[in-house]
Each structure stands twice: as C-alpha cells, then as structure tokens.
Amino acid sequence: MYLNSAKKVELFEKYGKGATDTGSAESQIALFSFRIKNLTEHMKQNRKDHSTERSLTGLVGKRRALLNYLKSRDINRYRAIVKALGLRK
C-alpha cells in the first residue's frame, strides 16, 4: 500500500509538531495532500474509476476546509503550510 504507518509518521514529523501530532491542521493538510497526489496519478491512468474520483473530490474539499480554517485562525501558519507543500493558493 502506498500509505503505511511509517509514511504517516514521517509526514507528521515533517509538517506537524511531532511524530504523534496527528490532529493539527498542518499535519492533516499534509496527509490529505499526499493522498490527493497519489489519487490524481491513479486517475490519470484510470479515467473511468468513478469511486476514486468521488473520494478524490471529497479529499480536496476536506483539505480546502482545513485551509480555510487555518487561514481564518492564523494566517502565518496558513502561509507556511501552503509554501511548504507547494500548493497554488
């Protein structure tokens, strides 16, 4: 599987406050971004996979909601995570 517990710990260490910081907005956004990137690659090869397309749309919405939350609470943290992940907005 593309996302195992070691990869999750790595993401949480890099973008969160530590390896066990699974609930902060930054770590969740990083996890969603990783999953979105992998599902996007899958969709490029499997255009008719509608269930994956639906889950991809849901993940993008969840990430957008977390980004909006972070932007309204702390603009500096928002700018830092957007820059670190290389998101467009």
Protein backbone atom coordinates (compact mmCIF):
# COMPACT_ATOMS: atom_id res chain seq x y z
CA MET A 1 0.00 0.00 0.00
CA TYR A 2 1.23 3.48 -0.79
CA LEU A 3 0.44 4.92 2.65
CA ASN A 4 1.72 2.91 5.59
CA SER A 5 2.23 3.90 9.21
CA ALA A 6 5.90 4.76 8.66
CA LYS A 7 4.98 7.22 5.90
CA LYS A 8 2.32 8.79 8.13
CA VAL A 9 4.81 9.25 10.96
CA GLU A 10 7.23 10.84 8.51
CA LEU A 11 4.57 13.29 7.31
CA PHE A 12 3.51 14.15 10.86
CA GLU A 13 7.12 14.75 11.93
CA LYS A 14 7.83 16.97 8.95
CA TYR A 15 4.69 19.12 8.94
CA GLY A 16 3.26 18.69 12.44
CA LYS A 17 4.69 19.32 15.88
CA GLY A 18 5.98 15.76 16.27
CA ALA A 19 5.52 12.14 15.27
CA THR A 20 2.38 11.76 17.38
CA ASP A 21 0.80 15.06 16.31
CA THR A 22 -1.97 13.63 14.16
CA GLY A 23 -4.66 16.20 14.85
CA SER A 24 -3.15 19.56 13.97
CA ALA A 25 -4.40 21.26 10.85
CA GLU A 26 -0.95 21.27 9.25
CA SER A 27 -0.44 17.53 9.65
CA GLN A 28 -3.93 16.76 8.35
CA ILE A 29 -3.42 19.04 5.34
CA ALA A 30 -0.11 17.33 4.58
CA LEU A 31 -1.71 13.89 4.83
CA PHE A 32 -4.60 14.91 2.57
CA SER A 33 -2.16 16.42 0.06
CA PHE A 34 -0.15 13.19 -0.08
CA ARG A 35 -3.30 11.15 -0.66
CA ILE A 36 -4.59 13.63 -3.27
CA LYS A 37 -1.33 13.41 -5.19
CA ASN A 38 -1.47 9.61 -5.31
CA LEU A 39 -5.14 9.50 -6.27
CA THR A 40 -4.52 12.05 -9.02
CA GLU A 41 -1.85 9.80 -10.51
CA HIS A 42 -4.27 6.87 -10.32
CA MET A 43 -6.98 8.89 -12.07
CA LYS A 44 -4.65 9.77 -14.93
CA GLN A 45 -4.41 6.09 -15.82
CA ASN A 46 -7.95 5.03 -14.83
CA ARG A 47 -10.26 7.71 -16.14
CA LYS A 48 -13.45 5.72 -15.65
CA ASP A 49 -12.87 4.92 -11.97
CA HIS A 50 -15.78 6.94 -10.61
CA SER A 51 -15.50 5.79 -6.99
CA THR A 52 -11.91 7.03 -6.82
CA GLU A 53 -12.94 10.27 -8.48
CA ARG A 54 -15.59 10.78 -5.82
CA SER A 55 -13.18 10.12 -2.97
CA LEU A 56 -10.63 12.46 -4.57
CA THR A 57 -13.24 15.22 -4.73
CA GLY A 58 -14.08 14.64 -1.08
CA LEU A 59 -10.43 14.84 -0.04
CA VAL A 60 -9.94 18.08 -1.95
CA GLY A 61 -12.97 19.53 -0.16
CA LYS A 62 -11.70 18.44 3.26
CA ARG A 63 -8.29 19.95 2.56
CA ARG A 64 -9.88 23.20 1.36
CA ALA A 65 -12.00 23.38 4.52
CA LEU A 66 -8.93 22.89 6.72
CA LEU A 67 -7.01 25.51 4.76
CA ASN A 68 -9.89 27.97 5.16
CA TYR A 69 -10.00 27.24 8.89
CA LEU A 70 -6.26 27.75 9.25
CA LYS A 71 -6.41 30.95 7.21
CA SER A 72 -9.09 32.40 9.46
CA ARG A 73 -7.29 31.39 12.69
CA ASP A 74 -3.62 32.03 11.96
CA ILE A 75 -2.54 33.48 8.62
CA ASN A 76 1.17 32.85 9.29
CA ARG A 77 0.65 29.10 9.81
CA TYR A 78 -1.53 29.05 6.67
CA ARG A 79 1.15 30.73 4.57
CA ALA A 80 3.83 28.41 5.95
CA ILE A 81 1.95 25.19 5.11
CA VAL A 82 0.98 26.42 1.65
CA LYS A 83 4.59 27.28 0.92
CA ALA A 84 5.91 24.01 2.38
CA LEU A 85 3.51 21.86 0.36
CA GLY A 86 3.73 23.95 -2.80
CA LEU A 87 0.00 24.49 -3.11
CA ARG A 88 -1.21 27.04 -5.63
CA LYS A 89 -3.26 29.19 -3.33
